[in-house]
C-alpha atoms as a PDB file:
ATOM      1  CA  MET A   1       5.397  12.823 -14.285  1.00  0.00           C
ATOM      2  CA  THR A   2       2.161  13.788 -12.523  1.00  0.00           C
ATOM      3  CA  ALA A   3       1.379  17.183 -10.935  1.00  0.00           C
ATOM      4  CA  GLY A   4       4.966  17.962  -9.955  1.00  0.00           C
ATOM      5  CA  PHE A   5       5.891  14.471  -8.781  1.00  0.00           C
ATOM      6  CA  GLN A   6       6.812  11.121 -10.280  1.00  0.00           C
ATOM      7  CA  LEU A   7       5.807   7.524  -9.563  1.00  0.00           C
ATOM      8  CA  TRP A   8       8.291   4.655  -9.604  1.00  0.00           C
ATOM      9  CA  GLN A   9       8.432   1.090  -8.374  1.00  0.00           C
ATOM     10  CA  LEU A  10      10.629   0.232  -5.417  1.00  0.00           C
ATOM     11  CA  THR A  11      12.429  -2.971  -6.360  1.00  0.00           C
ATOM     12  CA  PRO A  12      15.089  -4.758  -4.273  1.00  0.00           C
ATOM     13  CA  ASP A  13      17.863  -2.668  -5.851  1.00  0.00           C
ATOM     14  CA  ARG A  14      16.119   0.409  -4.378  1.00  0.00           C
ATOM     15  CA  ALA A  15      16.066  -0.962  -0.823  1.00  0.00           C
ATOM     16  CA  GLU A  16      17.879   2.093   0.565  1.00  0.00           C
ATOM     17  CA  GLU A  17      14.949   4.311  -0.507  1.00  0.00           C
ATOM     18  CA  TRP A  18      12.498   1.896   1.094  1.00  0.00           C
ATOM     19  CA  ARG A  19      14.505   1.756   4.314  1.00  0.00           C
ATOM     20  CA  ALA A  20      14.636   5.564   4.603  1.00  0.00           C
ATOM     21  CA  ILE A  21      10.915   6.168   4.132  1.00  0.00           C
ATOM     22  CA  ARG A  22       9.879   3.089   6.118  1.00  0.00           C
ATOM     23  CA  MET A  23      11.912   4.192   9.122  1.00  0.00           C
ATOM     24  CA  GLU A  24      10.464   7.707   8.816  1.00  0.00           C
ATOM     25  CA  ALA A  25       6.949   6.230   8.707  1.00  0.00           C
ATOM     26  CA  LEU A  26       7.534   4.034  11.749  1.00  0.00           C
ATOM     27  CA  ARG A  27       9.045   6.979  13.629  1.00  0.00           C
ATOM     28  CA  THR A  28       6.373   9.571  12.769  1.00  0.00           C
ATOM     29  CA  ALA A  29       3.223   7.404  12.655  1.00  0.00           C
ATOM     30  CA  PRO A  30       3.882   4.403  14.917  1.00  0.00           C
ATOM     31  CA  GLU A  31       0.188   3.713  15.514  1.00  0.00           C
ATOM     32  CA  ALA A  32      -0.449   3.219  11.795  1.00  0.00           C
ATOM     33  CA  PHE A  33       1.602   0.060  11.348  1.00  0.00           C
ATOM     34  CA  GLY A  34       1.766  -3.493  12.606  1.00  0.00           C
ATOM     35  CA  SER A  35       5.560  -3.167  12.980  1.00  0.00           C
ATOM     36  CA  SER A  36       7.389  -0.768  15.236  1.00  0.00           C
ATOM     37  CA  PHE A  37      10.469   1.365  14.692  1.00  0.00           C
ATOM     38  CA  ASP A  38      12.340  -0.917  17.105  1.00  0.00           C
ATOM     39  CA  ASP A  39      11.340  -3.977  15.025  1.00  0.00           C
ATOM     40  CA  TRP A  40      13.236  -2.554  12.030  1.00  0.00           C
ATOM     41  CA  ASP A  41      15.908  -0.314  13.537  1.00  0.00           C
ATOM     42  CA  GLY A  42      19.347  -1.775  12.940  1.00  0.00           C
ATOM     43  CA  ARG A  43      18.222  -4.410  10.467  1.00  0.00           C
ATOM     44  CA  PRO A  44      20.535  -4.941   7.498  1.00  0.00           C
ATOM     45  CA  LEU A  45      19.638  -3.497   4.124  1.00  0.00           C
ATOM     46  CA  GLU A  46      19.051  -7.055   2.862  1.00  0.00           C
ATOM     47  CA  ASP A  47      15.957  -7.308   5.089  1.00  0.00           C
ATOM     48  CA  PHE A  48      14.468  -4.264   3.371  1.00  0.00           C
ATOM     49  CA  ALA A  49      15.385  -5.658  -0.049  1.00  0.00           C
ATOM     50  CA  GLN A  50      13.736  -8.967   0.870  1.00  0.00           C
ATOM     51  CA  ARG A  51      10.482  -7.183   1.701  1.00  0.00           C
ATOM     52  CA  LEU A  52      10.515  -5.647  -1.784  1.00  0.00           C
ATOM     53  CA  THR A  53      10.669  -9.120  -3.369  1.00  0.00           C
ATOM     54  CA  SER A  54       7.392 -10.198  -1.740  1.00  0.00           C
ATOM     55  CA  CYS A  55       5.216  -7.268  -2.795  1.00  0.00           C
ATOM     56  CA  GLU A  56       4.797  -4.611  -5.450  1.00  0.00           C
ATOM     57  CA  MET A  57       5.821  -1.347  -3.784  1.00  0.00           C
ATOM     58  CA  TRP A  58       5.323   2.048  -5.422  1.00  0.00           C
ATOM     59  CA  ALA A  59       6.745   5.401  -4.413  1.00  0.00           C
ATOM     60  CA  ALA A  60       5.965   8.998  -5.305  1.00  0.00           C
ATOM     61  CA  GLY A  61       8.082  12.083  -4.887  1.00  0.00           C
ATOM     62  CA  PRO A  62       9.880  14.831  -6.744  1.00  0.00           C
ATOM     63  CA  ALA A  63      12.177  12.288  -8.442  1.00  0.00           C
ATOM     64  CA  PRO A  64      13.183   8.637  -8.101  1.00  0.00           C
ATOM     65  CA  GLY A  65      15.452   8.313  -5.107  1.00  0.00           C
ATOM     66  CA  HIS A  66      13.425  10.805  -3.058  1.00  0.00           C
ATOM     67  CA  PRO A  67      10.186   9.082  -1.999  1.00  0.00           C
ATOM     68  CA  GLN A  68       7.654  11.146  -0.087  1.00  0.00           C
ATOM     69  CA  ALA A  69       4.887   8.538  -0.250  1.00  0.00           C
ATOM     70  CA  VAL A  70       4.754   4.751  -0.568  1.00  0.00           C
ATOM     71  CA  ALA A  71       2.257   1.902  -0.678  1.00  0.00           C
ATOM     72  CA  SER A  72       2.367  -1.734  -1.677  1.00  0.00           C
ATOM     73  CA  TRP A  73       0.015  -4.506  -2.644  1.00  0.00           C
ATOM     74  CA  GLU A  74       0.329  -8.267  -2.328  1.00  0.00           C
ATOM     75  CA  ALA A  75      -1.520 -11.310  -3.563  1.00  0.00           C
ATOM     76  CA  ASP A  76      -1.789 -14.723  -1.904  1.00  0.00           C
ATOM     77  CA  ILE A  77      -2.357 -13.454   1.638  1.00  0.00           C
ATOM     78  CA  SER A  78      -5.862 -14.942   1.783  1.00  0.00           C
ATOM     79  CA  PRO A  79      -5.529 -18.449   0.263  1.00  0.00           C
ATOM     80  CA  ALA A  80      -9.311 -18.946   0.270  1.00  0.00           C
ATOM     81  CA  GLU A  81      -9.682 -15.745  -1.786  1.00  0.00           C
ATOM     82  CA  PRO A  82      -7.045 -15.874  -4.556  1.00  0.00           C
ATOM     83  CA  ASP A  83      -8.588 -12.887  -6.369  1.00  0.00           C
ATOM     84  CA  LEU A  84      -8.195 -10.634  -3.286  1.00  0.00           C
ATOM     85  CA  GLY A  85      -5.101  -8.456  -3.075  1.00  0.00           C
ATOM     86  CA  TRP A  86      -4.058  -6.568   0.037  1.00  0.00           C
ATOM     87  CA  VAL A  87      -2.773  -3.004   0.321  1.00  0.00           C
ATOM     88  CA  MET A  88      -0.014  -2.508   2.886  1.00  0.00           C
ATOM     89  CA  SER A  89       2.716  -0.159   4.095  1.00  0.00           C
ATOM     90  CA  VAL A  90       0.896   3.038   3.114  1.00  0.00           C
ATOM     91  CA  TYR A  91       2.613   6.260   4.136  1.00  0.00           C
ATOM     92  CA  VAL A  92       2.612   9.855   2.927  1.00  0.00           C
ATOM     93  CA  ALA A  93       5.121  12.156   4.610  1.00  0.00           C
ATOM     94  CA  PRO A  94       3.389  14.966   6.522  1.00  0.00           C
ATOM     95  CA  GLY A  95       4.898  17.695   4.309  1.00  0.00           C
ATOM     96  CA  ALA A  96       3.691  15.927   1.156  1.00  0.00           C
ATOM     97  CA  ARG A  97       0.072  15.376   2.190  1.00  0.00           C
ATOM     98  CA  GLY A  98      -2.703  17.009   0.203  1.00  0.00           C
ATOM     99  CA  ARG A  99      -0.690  17.071  -3.051  1.00  0.00           C
ATOM    100  CA  GLY A 100      -2.153  13.935  -4.666  1.00  0.00           C
ATOM    101  CA  LEU A 101       0.773  11.564  -4.096  1.00  0.00           C
ATOM    102  CA  GLY A 102      -1.298   9.016  -2.179  1.00  0.00           C
ATOM    103  CA  ASP A 103      -4.111   9.219  -4.726  1.00  0.00           C
ATOM    104  CA  ALA A 104      -1.651   8.639  -7.593  1.00  0.00           C
ATOM    105  CA  ILE A 105      -0.049   5.657  -5.876  1.00  0.00           C
ATOM    106  CA  PHE A 106      -3.457   4.125  -5.164  1.00  0.00           C
ATOM    107  CA  ALA A 107      -4.506   4.540  -8.791  1.00  0.00           C
ATOM    108  CA  ARG A 108      -1.315   2.732  -9.849  1.00  0.00           C
ATOM    109  CA  LEU A 109      -1.787  -0.043  -7.282  1.00  0.00           C
ATOM    110  CA  MET A 110      -5.363  -0.696  -8.398  1.00  0.00           C
ATOM    111  CA  GLU A 111      -4.325  -0.738 -12.056  1.00  0.00           C
ATOM    112  CA  ARG A 112      -1.450  -3.156 -11.402  1.00  0.00           C
ATOM    113  CA  ALA A 113      -3.528  -5.429  -9.165  1.00  0.00           C
ATOM    114  CA  ALA A 114      -6.255  -5.658 -11.824  1.00  0.00           C
ATOM    115  CA  LEU A 115      -3.639  -6.503 -14.455  1.00  0.00           C
ATOM    116  CA  ALA A 116      -2.420  -9.283 -12.170  1.00  0.00           C
ATOM    117  CA  GLY A 117      -5.947 -10.749 -12.043  1.00  0.00           C
ATOM    118  CA  MET A 118      -7.178  -9.366  -8.734  1.00  0.00           C
ATOM    119  CA  THR A 119     -10.890  -8.533  -8.688  1.00  0.00           C
ATOM    120  CA  ARG A 120     -10.949  -7.130  -5.147  1.00  0.00           C
ATOM    121  CA  MET A 121      -8.587  -5.292  -2.838  1.00  0.00           C
ATOM    122  CA  GLY A 122      -8.578  -5.068   0.943  1.00  0.00           C
ATOM    123  CA  LEU A 123      -6.737  -3.184   3.645  1.00  0.00           C
ATOM    124  CA  HIS A 124      -6.755  -2.552   7.374  1.00  0.00           C
ATOM    125  CA  VAL A 125      -6.641   0.954   8.807  1.00  0.00           C
ATOM    126  CA  GLY A 126      -6.646   2.437  12.280  1.00  0.00           C
ATOM    127  CA  GLN A 127     -10.202   2.841  13.524  1.00  0.00           C
ATOM    128  CA  HIS A 128      -9.602   6.520  14.289  1.00  0.00           C
ATOM    129  CA  ASN A 129      -7.174   7.336  11.451  1.00  0.00           C
ATOM    130  CA  ALA A 130      -9.510   9.706   9.601  1.00  0.00           C
ATOM    131  CA  PRO A 131      -6.904  11.067   7.121  1.00  0.00           C
ATOM    132  CA  ALA A 132      -5.977   7.548   5.961  1.00  0.00           C
ATOM    133  CA  GLN A 133      -9.614   6.509   5.768  1.00  0.00           C
ATOM    134  CA  ALA A 134     -10.308   9.577   3.600  1.00  0.00           C
ATOM    135  CA  LEU A 135      -7.491   8.584   1.207  1.00  0.00           C
ATOM    136  CA  TYR A 136      -8.835   5.047   0.992  1.00  0.00           C
ATOM    137  CA  SER A 137     -12.396   6.270   0.445  1.00  0.00           C
ATOM    138  CA  ARG A 138     -11.208   8.471  -2.438  1.00  0.00           C
ATOM    139  CA  ALA A 139      -9.587   5.336  -3.880  1.00  0.00           C
ATOM    140  CA  GLY A 140     -12.949   3.531  -3.785  1.00  0.00           C
ATOM    141  CA  PHE A 141     -12.567   1.540  -0.558  1.00  0.00           C
ATOM    142  CA  VAL A 142     -15.536   1.141   1.793  1.00  0.00           C
ATOM    143  CA  PRO A 143     -15.649  -0.243   5.334  1.00  0.00           C
ATOM    144  CA  THR A 144     -16.758  -3.871   5.381  1.00  0.00           C
ATOM    145  CA  GLY A 145     -18.882  -3.236   8.458  1.00  0.00           C
ATOM    146  CA  GLY A 146     -17.227  -5.993  10.458  1.00  0.00           C
ATOM    147  CA  PRO A 147     -16.195  -5.407  14.049  1.00  0.00           C
ATOM    148  CA  PRO A 148     -12.894  -3.608  14.649  1.00  0.00           C
ATOM    149  CA  MET A 149      -9.866  -5.874  15.079  1.00  0.00           C
ATOM    150  CA  LEU A 150      -7.031  -5.481  17.560  1.00  0.00           C
ATOM    151  CA  ASN A 151      -3.724  -5.596  15.660  1.00  0.00           C
ATOM    152  CA  GLU A 152      -0.476  -7.099  16.962  1.00  0.00           C
ATOM    153  CA  ARG A 153       0.552  -3.755  18.461  1.00  0.00           C
ATOM    154  CA  GLY A 154      -2.697  -3.266  20.380  1.00  0.00           C
ATOM    155  CA  ASN A 155      -4.344  -0.752  18.014  1.00  0.00           C
ATOM    156  CA  TRP A 156      -7.923  -1.121  16.793  1.00  0.00           C
ATOM    157  CA  GLU A 157      -8.348  -1.385  13.019  1.00  0.00           C
ATOM    158  CA  ILE A 158     -11.225  -1.666  10.598  1.00  0.00           C
ATOM    159  CA  GLU A 159     -11.219  -3.497   7.284  1.00  0.00           C
ATOM    160  CA  MET A 160     -12.001  -1.725   4.022  1.00  0.00           C
ATOM    161  CA  ARG A 161     -12.395  -3.292   0.576  1.00  0.00           C
ATOM    162  CA  ARG A 162     -13.082  -2.297  -2.987  1.00  0.00           C
ATOM    163  CA  MET A 163     -13.989  -4.065  -6.195  1.00  0.00           C
ATOM    164  CA  LEU A 164     -11.687  -3.809  -9.194  1.00  0.00           C
ATOM    165  CA  ARG A 165     -12.630  -3.850 -12.802  1.00  0.00           C
ATOM    166  CA  PRO A 166     -10.777  -6.852 -14.206  1.00  0.00           C
ATOM    167  CA  ALA A 167      -8.185  -5.940 -16.782  1.00  0.00           C
ATOM    168  CA  LEU A 168      -9.537  -6.075 -20.330  1.00  0.00           C
ATOM    169  CA  ARG A 169      -7.220  -8.910 -21.350  1.00  0.00           C
ATOM    170  CA  HIS A 170      -8.530 -11.048 -18.459  1.00  0.00           C
ATOM    171  CA  ARG A 171     -12.151 -10.295 -19.397  1.00  0.00           C
ATOM    172  CA  LEU A 172     -11.443 -11.140 -23.041  1.00  0.00           C
ATOM    173  CA  ARG A 173      -9.682 -14.357 -22.073  1.00  0.00           C
ATOM    174  CA  ALA A 174     -12.708 -15.370 -19.980  1.00  0.00           C
ATOM    175  CA  LEU A 175     -15.103 -14.591 -22.823  1.00  0.00           C
ATOM    176  CA  CYS A 176     -13.063 -16.594 -25.323  1.00  0.00           C
ATOM    177  CA  ALA A 177     -12.635 -19.627 -23.055  1.00  0.00           C
END
């Protein structure tokens, strides 16, 4: 437990939790995501479970089963950069903002990505989404300086990245090789 909330991983058996917070996110912050509420509304629970098999999704809230914040990371999105993981599906419910949930999830994501061998992480964020950019900056992300990109929904985004300290076991393995 951390500062009045807990962190837990959303696995396929927790798809109902993911569906509830994902639909809330798409309803309350539609400009922040590449998908829309209509893209996911009415989909079967199996579609939400399937999404949880392709990424490592973490939640924070008062107790498992009651997520107030979520974020995921994935590998293998950039085949030319196998050591680059991507952060996706970040959302902190408006009533839970400013309590450290997003910061705690990001710390966990970075730790887990480093353990999986990632040396860098990237994400895309709305060009004018200052609160999200502040969260990402606190987590060590910096804008890459590239031109803004127009996402599939017609919103301008910037790319941010951060370096990770490789997990000790990976550094030791490299030294001993």
